[in-house]
N, C-alpha and C. Protein backbone atom coordinates (compact mmCIF):
# COMPACT_ATOMS: atom_id res chain seq x y z
N MET A 1 7.18 -5.49 20.14
CA MET A 1 5.37 -6.01 20.93
C MET A 1 5.16 -4.50 21.13
N GLY A 2 6.02 -4.10 22.42
CA GLY A 2 5.53 -2.87 23.23
C GLY A 2 5.76 -1.77 22.22
N THR A 3 6.94 -1.65 21.92
CA THR A 3 6.88 -0.24 20.93
C THR A 3 5.64 -0.33 19.76
N PHE A 4 5.78 -0.55 19.46
CA PHE A 4 4.27 -0.68 18.21
C PHE A 4 2.94 -0.47 19.14
N ALA A 5 2.59 -1.21 19.90
CA ALA A 5 1.10 -0.89 20.76
C ALA A 5 1.37 0.38 21.33
N ILE A 6 2.41 1.36 21.59
CA ILE A 6 2.49 2.05 22.04
C ILE A 6 1.72 3.19 21.79
N GLN A 7 2.72 3.11 20.73
CA GLN A 7 2.64 4.63 19.51
C GLN A 7 0.90 3.95 18.51
N LEU A 8 0.81 2.62 18.49
CA LEU A 8 -0.62 2.95 17.84
C LEU A 8 -2.19 2.82 18.47
N ALA A 9 -1.81 2.80 20.34
CA ALA A 9 -2.56 3.06 21.33
C ALA A 9 -2.61 4.96 21.20
N LYS A 10 -1.54 5.43 21.64
CA LYS A 10 -1.15 7.15 21.38
C LYS A 10 -2.29 7.37 20.19
N HIS A 11 -2.29 6.66 19.05
CA HIS A 11 -2.17 7.54 17.60
C HIS A 11 -4.20 7.32 17.81
N LEU A 12 -4.54 6.29 18.33
CA LEU A 12 -6.04 6.06 19.07
C LEU A 12 -6.81 7.08 19.90
N GLY A 13 -5.51 8.16 20.61
CA GLY A 13 -6.13 8.64 21.37
C GLY A 13 -6.58 8.35 22.68
N ALA A 14 -5.76 6.95 23.05
CA ALA A 14 -5.53 6.45 24.37
C ALA A 14 -4.58 7.02 25.36
N THR A 15 -4.73 7.25 26.52
CA THR A 15 -3.50 7.56 27.43
C THR A 15 -2.94 5.81 28.23
N VAL A 16 -1.91 6.33 27.51
CA VAL A 16 -1.04 5.12 28.04
C VAL A 16 -0.18 4.57 29.11
N ALA A 17 -0.28 3.33 29.12
CA ALA A 17 0.78 3.27 30.88
C ALA A 17 1.48 2.08 30.20
N THR A 18 2.85 1.68 30.61
CA THR A 18 3.79 0.69 30.20
C THR A 18 4.40 0.54 31.47
N THR A 19 4.89 -0.80 31.10
CA THR A 19 5.93 -1.24 31.94
C THR A 19 7.19 -1.05 31.80
N THR A 20 8.67 -0.62 32.50
CA THR A 20 9.74 -0.87 31.45
C THR A 20 10.76 -1.01 32.61
N SER A 21 12.11 -1.21 32.03
CA SER A 21 12.94 -0.86 32.98
C SER A 21 13.38 0.76 32.72
N ALA A 22 14.31 1.35 33.78
CA ALA A 22 14.46 2.62 34.01
C ALA A 22 15.18 2.48 32.91
N ALA A 23 16.02 1.92 31.98
CA ALA A 23 16.71 2.00 30.69
C ALA A 23 16.43 2.59 29.37
N ASN A 24 14.58 2.02 29.87
CA ASN A 24 14.10 2.31 28.59
C ASN A 24 12.99 2.73 28.62
N SER A 25 13.20 3.63 29.66
CA SER A 25 11.67 4.52 30.33
C SER A 25 11.63 6.21 29.01
N ASP A 26 13.16 6.27 28.97
CA ASP A 26 13.18 7.48 27.87
C ASP A 26 12.14 6.78 26.47
N LEU A 27 13.31 5.55 26.31
CA LEU A 27 12.35 5.09 24.53
C LEU A 27 10.80 5.33 24.68
N VAL A 28 10.39 4.81 25.63
CA VAL A 28 8.94 4.66 25.96
C VAL A 28 7.62 5.92 26.09
N ARG A 29 8.89 7.02 26.46
CA ARG A 29 8.35 8.24 26.90
C ARG A 29 8.31 8.90 25.37
N ARG A 30 9.15 8.59 24.48
CA ARG A 30 9.47 9.17 23.45
C ARG A 30 7.97 8.64 22.25
N LEU A 31 7.64 7.61 22.58
CA LEU A 31 7.19 6.80 21.81
C LEU A 31 5.54 7.18 22.00
N GLY A 32 5.30 7.82 23.15
CA GLY A 32 3.93 8.20 23.76
C GLY A 32 3.80 7.73 24.56
N ALA A 33 4.43 6.76 25.37
CA ALA A 33 3.58 6.64 26.69
C ALA A 33 3.53 7.77 27.99
N ASP A 34 2.43 7.51 28.58
CA ASP A 34 2.00 8.59 29.97
C ASP A 34 2.38 8.34 30.72
N VAL A 35 2.54 7.01 30.85
CA VAL A 35 2.83 6.79 32.81
C VAL A 35 3.57 5.40 32.35
N VAL A 36 4.78 5.64 32.91
CA VAL A 36 5.93 5.26 32.62
C VAL A 36 6.27 3.99 34.06
N ILE A 37 6.47 2.98 34.32
CA ILE A 37 6.85 2.53 35.21
C ILE A 37 7.67 1.37 34.99
N ASP A 38 8.90 1.49 36.25
CA ASP A 38 9.98 0.67 36.14
C ASP A 38 9.57 -0.29 37.36
N TYR A 39 9.40 -1.59 36.32
CA TYR A 39 9.27 -2.91 36.88
C TYR A 39 9.76 -3.54 37.91
N ARG A 40 11.05 -3.04 37.61
CA ARG A 40 12.25 -3.44 38.85
C ARG A 40 12.12 -2.82 40.23
N THR A 41 10.94 -2.01 40.04
CA THR A 41 11.42 -1.13 41.61
C THR A 41 9.78 -0.79 42.12
N GLU A 42 9.01 -0.85 41.22
CA GLU A 42 7.10 -0.34 40.91
C GLU A 42 6.82 -1.99 40.62
N ASP A 43 5.39 -1.78 41.69
CA ASP A 43 4.99 -2.48 41.21
C ASP A 43 3.21 -1.83 40.25
N PHE A 44 2.69 -2.39 39.13
CA PHE A 44 1.99 -1.78 38.42
C PHE A 44 0.55 -2.01 39.02
N GLU A 45 0.32 -2.86 39.33
CA GLU A 45 -0.95 -2.99 39.67
C GLU A 45 -1.22 -1.86 41.16
N GLU A 46 -0.46 -1.42 41.79
CA GLU A 46 -0.39 -0.73 43.06
C GLU A 46 -0.82 0.89 42.43
N LEU A 47 -0.25 0.86 41.52
CA LEU A 47 -0.25 2.25 40.74
C LEU A 47 -1.11 2.60 39.18
N LEU A 48 -2.24 1.62 38.83
CA LEU A 48 -2.78 1.68 37.92
C LEU A 48 -3.63 1.71 38.56
N HIS A 49 -4.70 2.30 37.96
CA HIS A 49 -6.50 2.12 38.62
C HIS A 49 -7.66 2.22 37.40
N ASP A 50 -8.48 1.76 37.12
CA ASP A 50 -9.80 2.62 36.39
C ASP A 50 -9.16 2.59 35.27
N TYR A 51 -8.42 1.55 34.32
CA TYR A 51 -8.48 1.51 32.80
C TYR A 51 -8.99 0.57 32.11
N ASP A 52 -9.09 0.92 31.02
CA ASP A 52 -10.11 0.29 30.51
C ASP A 52 -9.59 -0.67 29.62
N VAL A 53 -8.24 -1.21 29.57
CA VAL A 53 -8.13 -1.98 28.75
C VAL A 53 -6.31 -2.25 28.88
N VAL A 54 -6.40 -3.64 29.20
CA VAL A 54 -4.87 -3.79 29.60
C VAL A 54 -4.32 -5.23 28.28
N LEU A 55 -3.57 -5.05 27.62
CA LEU A 55 -2.61 -5.70 26.50
C LEU A 55 -1.54 -6.24 26.95
N ASN A 56 -2.04 -8.11 27.45
CA ASN A 56 -0.31 -8.83 27.97
C ASN A 56 0.10 -9.41 27.22
N SER A 57 1.41 -9.43 27.18
CA SER A 57 1.87 -10.38 26.64
C SER A 57 3.56 -11.07 27.58
N LEU A 58 3.28 -10.91 28.61
CA LEU A 58 3.95 -11.26 29.77
C LEU A 58 3.40 -12.92 30.47
N ASP A 59 3.41 -13.14 31.45
CA ASP A 59 3.30 -14.43 31.94
C ASP A 59 2.09 -14.77 32.86
N SER A 60 1.19 -15.27 33.24
CA SER A 60 0.07 -16.05 33.82
C SER A 60 -0.01 -15.14 35.27
N LYS A 61 0.85 -14.71 35.64
CA LYS A 61 1.09 -13.85 37.03
C LYS A 61 0.54 -12.58 37.31
N THR A 62 1.47 -12.47 35.95
CA THR A 62 1.54 -10.06 35.15
C THR A 62 -0.01 -10.57 34.59
N LEU A 63 -0.48 -11.53 33.86
CA LEU A 63 -2.56 -11.82 33.39
C LEU A 63 -3.26 -11.12 35.15
N THR A 64 -2.81 -12.03 35.71
CA THR A 64 -4.02 -11.96 37.08
C THR A 64 -3.61 -10.35 37.84
N LYS A 65 -2.10 -10.10 37.99
CA LYS A 65 -2.15 -9.15 37.89
C LYS A 65 -3.02 -7.62 37.74
N SER A 66 -3.36 -8.17 36.07
CA SER A 66 -3.66 -6.75 35.50
C SER A 66 -4.89 -6.62 35.75
N LEU A 67 -5.87 -7.61 35.95
CA LEU A 67 -7.18 -7.58 36.71
C LEU A 67 -7.46 -6.72 37.17
N ARG A 68 -6.62 -6.49 37.82
CA ARG A 68 -6.33 -5.10 39.54
C ARG A 68 -7.00 -3.21 38.97
N VAL A 69 -6.00 -3.63 37.65
CA VAL A 69 -5.67 -2.24 36.66
C VAL A 69 -7.00 -1.36 36.39
N LEU A 70 -7.70 -2.66 35.85
CA LEU A 70 -8.94 -2.23 35.08
C LEU A 70 -10.53 -1.58 35.58
N LYS A 71 -11.18 -1.30 35.60
CA LYS A 71 -12.66 -0.49 36.00
C LYS A 71 -13.56 -1.62 35.21
N PRO A 72 -14.25 -1.80 36.30
CA PRO A 72 -15.39 -2.92 35.60
C PRO A 72 -16.23 -2.08 33.99
N GLY A 73 -15.99 -3.61 33.39
CA GLY A 73 -16.69 -3.52 31.97
C GLY A 73 -15.18 -3.09 31.19
N GLY A 74 -14.02 -3.32 31.85
CA GLY A 74 -12.91 -3.29 31.53
C GLY A 74 -12.49 -4.71 30.25
N LYS A 75 -11.63 -4.81 29.18
CA LYS A 75 -11.08 -5.72 28.31
C LYS A 75 -9.92 -5.93 29.16
N LEU A 76 -9.54 -7.31 29.43
CA LEU A 76 -8.31 -7.79 29.35
C LEU A 76 -7.69 -8.50 28.49
N ILE A 77 -6.75 -8.09 27.49
CA ILE A 77 -6.54 -9.30 25.98
C ILE A 77 -4.96 -9.66 26.79
N SER A 78 -5.05 -10.95 26.09
CA SER A 78 -3.55 -11.60 26.97
C SER A 78 -3.47 -12.01 24.66
N ILE A 79 -2.13 -11.99 24.65
CA ILE A 79 -1.43 -12.65 23.38
C ILE A 79 -0.53 -13.53 23.73
N SER A 80 -0.13 -13.76 25.00
CA SER A 80 0.60 -14.77 25.43
C SER A 80 -0.26 -15.89 25.90
N GLY A 81 -1.55 -16.08 25.89
CA GLY A 81 -2.82 -16.83 26.50
C GLY A 81 -3.12 -16.88 27.75
N PRO A 82 -3.61 -17.73 28.26
CA PRO A 82 -3.67 -18.69 27.32
C PRO A 82 -5.48 -18.55 26.38
N PRO A 83 -5.73 -19.50 25.56
CA PRO A 83 -6.95 -19.45 24.99
C PRO A 83 -8.32 -19.63 25.59
N ASP A 84 -9.08 -18.56 24.82
CA ASP A 84 -10.10 -19.16 25.32
C ASP A 84 -11.23 -19.49 23.68
N PRO A 85 -12.40 -19.84 24.38
CA PRO A 85 -12.95 -20.46 24.05
C PRO A 85 -13.53 -19.81 22.66
N GLY A 86 -13.90 -18.27 22.59
CA GLY A 86 -13.96 -17.58 21.53
C GLY A 86 -13.11 -17.77 20.12
N PHE A 87 -11.28 -17.53 20.67
CA PHE A 87 -10.31 -18.04 19.84
C PHE A 87 -10.80 -19.46 19.12
N ALA A 88 -11.24 -20.57 20.09
CA ALA A 88 -11.28 -21.41 18.94
C ALA A 88 -12.19 -21.90 18.15
N ARG A 89 -13.43 -21.10 18.78
CA ARG A 89 -14.51 -20.42 17.48
C ARG A 89 -13.88 -20.02 16.36
N GLU A 90 -13.10 -18.69 16.67
CA GLU A 90 -13.04 -18.18 15.63
C GLU A 90 -12.46 -18.46 14.40
N ILE A 91 -10.93 -19.18 14.84
CA ILE A 91 -10.12 -19.56 14.24
C ILE A 91 -10.90 -20.87 13.22
N GLY A 92 -11.96 -21.28 14.10
CA GLY A 92 -12.33 -22.45 12.96
C GLY A 92 -11.97 -24.00 13.69
N LYS A 93 -11.53 -24.07 14.75
CA LYS A 93 -11.24 -25.11 15.19
C LYS A 93 -12.19 -26.35 15.36
N PRO A 94 -11.92 -27.91 15.32
CA PRO A 94 -13.25 -28.67 15.60
C PRO A 94 -13.80 -28.12 17.07
N TRP A 95 -14.81 -29.02 17.39
CA TRP A 95 -15.74 -28.24 18.67
C TRP A 95 -15.02 -29.20 19.51
N ILE A 96 -14.24 -29.95 19.85
CA ILE A 96 -13.29 -30.53 21.09
C ILE A 96 -12.46 -30.34 21.14
N LEU A 97 -11.77 -29.48 20.40
CA LEU A 97 -10.98 -28.36 20.70
C LEU A 97 -11.79 -27.20 22.24
N ARG A 98 -12.71 -26.97 21.88
CA ARG A 98 -13.62 -26.15 22.79
C ARG A 98 -13.09 -26.14 24.15
N PRO A 99 -13.53 -27.09 24.39
CA PRO A 99 -13.39 -28.02 26.04
C PRO A 99 -12.13 -27.13 26.24
N ALA A 100 -11.20 -27.94 25.58
CA ALA A 100 -10.32 -28.03 25.89
C ALA A 100 -9.30 -26.31 26.57
N THR A 101 -10.22 -25.52 25.67
CA THR A 101 -9.36 -23.93 25.37
C THR A 101 -10.78 -23.67 26.80
N ARG A 102 -11.58 -23.96 27.44
CA ARG A 102 -12.51 -23.89 28.30
C ARG A 102 -11.88 -23.91 29.70
N VAL A 103 -10.82 -25.31 29.87
CA VAL A 103 -10.56 -25.77 30.98
C VAL A 103 -9.26 -25.00 30.73
N LEU A 104 -8.28 -24.68 30.06
CA LEU A 104 -7.10 -23.30 29.78
C LEU A 104 -7.55 -22.26 30.92
N SER A 105 -8.33 -21.45 29.61
CA SER A 105 -8.39 -20.57 30.76
C SER A 105 -9.28 -20.05 31.54
N HIS A 106 -9.67 -21.24 32.38
CA HIS A 106 -11.37 -21.10 33.17
C HIS A 106 -10.60 -20.02 34.25
N ARG A 107 -9.97 -20.10 34.67
CA ARG A 107 -8.96 -19.84 35.92
C ARG A 107 -9.13 -18.15 35.95
N ILE A 108 -8.45 -17.53 34.75
CA ILE A 108 -8.35 -16.15 34.19
C ILE A 108 -10.24 -15.99 33.89
N ARG A 109 -10.70 -16.55 33.19
CA ARG A 109 -12.03 -16.08 32.99
C ARG A 109 -12.71 -15.66 33.93
N THR A 110 -12.63 -16.33 34.86
CA THR A 110 -13.85 -17.00 36.70
C THR A 110 -13.20 -15.52 36.98
N ALA A 111 -12.14 -15.62 37.81
CA ALA A 111 -11.63 -14.18 38.33
C ALA A 111 -11.98 -12.63 37.47
N ALA A 112 -12.06 -13.02 36.17
CA ALA A 112 -11.97 -11.81 35.11
C ALA A 112 -13.60 -11.40 35.24
N LYS A 113 -14.44 -12.42 35.71
CA LYS A 113 -15.84 -12.32 35.32
C LYS A 113 -16.43 -11.61 36.91
N ARG A 114 -15.68 -12.00 37.73
CA ARG A 114 -15.83 -11.81 39.32
C ARG A 114 -15.58 -9.83 39.24
N ARG A 115 -14.97 -9.65 38.42
CA ARG A 115 -14.53 -8.23 38.44
C ARG A 115 -15.30 -7.41 38.11
N ARG A 116 -16.32 -8.16 36.91
CA ARG A 116 -16.70 -7.40 35.60
C ARG A 116 -16.29 -6.90 34.88
N ILE A 117 -15.11 -8.03 34.26
CA ILE A 117 -14.22 -7.29 32.71
C ILE A 117 -14.24 -8.63 32.36
N SER A 118 -14.10 -8.19 30.99
CA SER A 118 -14.08 -9.32 30.05
C SER A 118 -12.47 -10.04 29.45
N TYR A 119 -12.16 -11.16 29.47
CA TYR A 119 -10.89 -11.74 28.83
C TYR A 119 -11.04 -11.97 27.23
N SER A 120 -10.30 -11.97 26.65
CA SER A 120 -10.07 -12.32 25.46
C SER A 120 -8.48 -13.04 25.15
N PHE A 121 -8.28 -13.67 24.20
CA PHE A 121 -6.96 -14.42 23.91
C PHE A 121 -6.66 -13.66 22.54
N LEU A 122 -5.92 -12.98 21.80
CA LEU A 122 -5.53 -12.17 21.17
C LEU A 122 -4.50 -12.83 20.08
N PHE A 123 -4.36 -13.65 18.75
CA PHE A 123 -3.77 -14.31 18.17
C PHE A 123 -3.54 -13.61 16.71
N MET A 124 -2.45 -13.28 16.69
CA MET A 124 -2.12 -12.15 15.41
C MET A 124 -1.69 -12.75 14.73
N ARG A 125 -2.33 -12.62 13.52
CA ARG A 125 -1.89 -13.42 12.00
C ARG A 125 -1.69 -12.13 11.14
N ALA A 126 -1.76 -12.23 10.14
CA ALA A 126 -1.40 -11.65 8.88
C ALA A 126 -2.67 -10.96 8.27
N ASN A 127 -2.93 -9.85 7.61
CA ASN A 127 -4.28 -9.42 7.21
C ASN A 127 -3.35 -8.31 6.78
N GLY A 128 -4.31 -8.50 5.62
CA GLY A 128 -3.65 -7.64 3.99
C GLY A 128 -4.27 -6.58 4.46
N ASN A 129 -5.41 -6.02 4.68
CA ASN A 129 -6.16 -4.44 5.13
C ASN A 129 -5.53 -3.98 6.64
N GLN A 130 -5.57 -4.86 7.54
CA GLN A 130 -4.91 -4.09 8.48
C GLN A 130 -3.07 -3.97 7.54
N LEU A 131 -2.48 -4.92 7.18
CA LEU A 131 -1.38 -4.72 6.78
C LEU A 131 -0.97 -3.08 6.22
N ARG A 132 -1.53 -3.11 5.13
CA ARG A 132 -2.29 -1.95 4.21
C ARG A 132 -2.41 -0.42 5.21
N GLU A 133 -3.13 -0.94 6.12
CA GLU A 133 -2.95 0.56 7.46
C GLU A 133 -1.99 0.49 7.84
N ILE A 134 -1.31 -0.31 8.56
CA ILE A 134 -0.82 0.19 9.29
C ILE A 134 1.33 0.42 8.23
N THR A 135 1.36 0.43 6.79
CA THR A 135 1.86 0.24 6.39
C THR A 135 1.50 2.13 5.98
N SER A 136 0.57 2.36 6.29
CA SER A 136 0.46 4.10 5.70
C SER A 136 0.24 4.74 6.99
N LEU A 137 0.61 4.03 7.93
CA LEU A 137 0.72 4.55 9.75
C LEU A 137 2.24 5.02 9.48
N ILE A 138 3.07 3.86 9.16
CA ILE A 138 4.35 3.88 8.86
C ILE A 138 5.21 5.22 7.90
N ASP A 139 4.16 4.54 6.61
CA ASP A 139 5.25 5.64 5.57
C ASP A 139 4.53 6.93 5.79
N SER A 140 3.38 7.41 6.96
CA SER A 140 3.43 9.00 7.04
C SER A 140 4.00 9.32 8.79
N GLY A 141 4.81 8.46 9.12
CA GLY A 141 5.51 9.17 10.37
C GLY A 141 4.80 8.68 11.53
N ILE A 142 3.80 8.03 11.43
CA ILE A 142 2.65 8.28 12.51
C ILE A 142 3.16 7.31 13.70
N ILE A 143 3.70 6.10 13.01
CA ILE A 143 4.13 4.75 13.69
C ILE A 143 5.48 4.71 13.48
N GLN A 144 7.05 4.65 14.28
CA GLN A 144 8.03 4.81 13.65
C GLN A 144 8.15 3.18 14.50
N PRO A 145 8.95 2.31 13.58
CA PRO A 145 9.17 0.76 13.45
C PRO A 145 10.84 1.29 14.41
N VAL A 146 10.45 0.50 15.79
CA VAL A 146 12.29 0.41 16.19
C VAL A 146 13.02 -0.72 16.40
N VAL A 147 14.21 -0.75 15.88
CA VAL A 147 14.79 -1.89 15.41
C VAL A 147 16.18 -1.34 16.75
N ASP A 148 16.37 -2.73 17.00
CA ASP A 148 17.53 -2.48 18.39
C ASP A 148 18.38 -3.60 16.96
N ARG A 149 18.75 -4.41 16.82
CA ARG A 149 19.83 -4.76 15.59
C ARG A 149 19.12 -5.68 14.91
N ALA A 150 20.17 -5.37 13.69
CA ALA A 150 20.37 -6.30 12.77
C ALA A 150 21.10 -7.39 12.31
N PHE A 151 20.95 -8.30 11.99
CA PHE A 151 21.80 -9.40 11.96
C PHE A 151 21.57 -10.34 10.70
N PRO A 152 23.05 -10.47 9.42
CA PRO A 152 22.85 -11.51 8.77
C PRO A 152 22.05 -12.80 8.71
N PHE A 153 21.61 -13.19 7.76
CA PHE A 153 21.21 -14.63 7.76
C PHE A 153 21.72 -15.73 8.46
N GLU A 154 23.08 -15.09 8.38
CA GLU A 154 24.16 -16.11 8.28
C GLU A 154 24.43 -16.15 10.08
N SER A 155 23.80 -15.17 10.81
CA SER A 155 23.95 -14.74 12.00
C SER A 155 22.89 -15.59 13.19
N THR A 156 21.51 -16.07 12.64
CA THR A 156 20.57 -15.96 12.85
C THR A 156 19.99 -16.99 14.41
N ASN A 157 21.63 -17.54 14.46
CA ASN A 157 21.32 -18.44 15.99
C ASN A 157 21.52 -17.13 17.19
N GLU A 158 22.79 -15.96 16.75
CA GLU A 158 23.20 -15.26 17.43
C GLU A 158 22.10 -14.19 17.82
N ALA A 159 21.13 -13.89 16.59
CA ALA A 159 20.22 -13.32 16.67
C ALA A 159 19.02 -13.67 17.74
N LEU A 160 19.06 -15.29 17.52
CA LEU A 160 17.74 -15.68 18.79
C LEU A 160 18.55 -15.58 20.37
N ALA A 161 19.88 -15.90 20.34
CA ALA A 161 20.45 -15.56 21.05
C ALA A 161 19.98 -14.28 22.38
N TYR A 162 20.15 -13.57 21.14
CA TYR A 162 20.11 -11.72 21.91
C TYR A 162 18.44 -11.90 21.93
N VAL A 163 17.98 -12.36 21.41
CA VAL A 163 16.33 -11.97 22.06
C VAL A 163 16.01 -12.66 22.91
N GLU A 164 16.42 -14.14 23.29
CA GLU A 164 16.39 -14.58 24.53
C GLU A 164 17.34 -13.82 25.98
N LYS A 165 18.30 -12.88 25.70
CA LYS A 165 18.38 -12.38 26.94
C LYS A 165 17.43 -11.33 27.20
N GLY A 166 16.45 -10.96 26.41
CA GLY A 166 15.52 -10.22 27.05
C GLY A 166 15.56 -8.62 27.03
N ARG A 167 16.91 -8.21 26.42
CA ARG A 167 17.55 -6.79 26.05
C ARG A 167 17.08 -6.06 25.31
N ALA A 168 16.51 -6.71 24.46
CA ALA A 168 16.31 -5.68 22.98
C ALA A 168 15.12 -4.54 23.64
N LYS A 169 15.94 -3.72 22.90
CA LYS A 169 15.13 -2.30 22.62
C LYS A 169 14.46 -2.28 21.41
N GLY A 170 13.30 -2.55 21.07
CA GLY A 170 12.32 -3.01 19.90
C GLY A 170 13.19 -4.53 18.74
N LYS A 171 12.99 -4.60 17.85
CA LYS A 171 12.67 -5.49 17.21
C LYS A 171 13.96 -5.75 16.93
N VAL A 172 14.43 -7.47 16.33
CA VAL A 172 15.63 -7.71 15.71
C VAL A 172 15.16 -8.61 14.81
N VAL A 173 16.16 -7.28 13.94
CA VAL A 173 15.81 -8.15 12.40
C VAL A 173 16.82 -9.14 11.69
N ILE A 174 16.61 -9.86 11.12
CA ILE A 174 17.35 -10.69 10.31
C ILE A 174 16.89 -10.73 8.85
N LYS A 175 18.44 -10.31 8.49
CA LYS A 175 18.47 -9.55 6.90
C LYS A 175 18.97 -11.19 5.97
N VAL A 176 17.75 -11.30 5.49
CA VAL A 176 17.66 -12.59 4.11
C VAL A 176 18.66 -12.39 3.10
N LYS A 177 18.74 -11.21 2.43
CA LYS A 177 19.59 -11.03 1.39
C LYS A 177 20.54 -10.06 1.47
């Protein structure tokens, strides 16, 4: 997720800040990151200020800390939750689920509102037009997929164990054929 997001944001003209371990700092710089923060020794909320957008893929503690780096009018987008009422509407869920998403996201939405920041949950799903655009960015070399390791289908359990260790530098691929 991060390696792709860095390249896409940079392509769109953004100044990109990211957190990573020191071992991956050269990789994310090569991909276009302008500011690289070692999450093991530095606290991003103390170093970053007045950003327009934060894309969060981590836990709720990181989500809350992300509010502090945004300027008023900024946008906090999370792909790891909690879902918000707008998400329930967007995917056409029954009205009864909207109060549940309201409760689940109440704390972060309230904290965001106090700072004049908007919060939204993003659930990524396949979209043919977007995939065609992404393919053209890859084909033209603007975005370069980063593959850490490829496993044969028979080694799917090993691949999953490798991903769970949290040390992959890029995507882990399972070859079906």
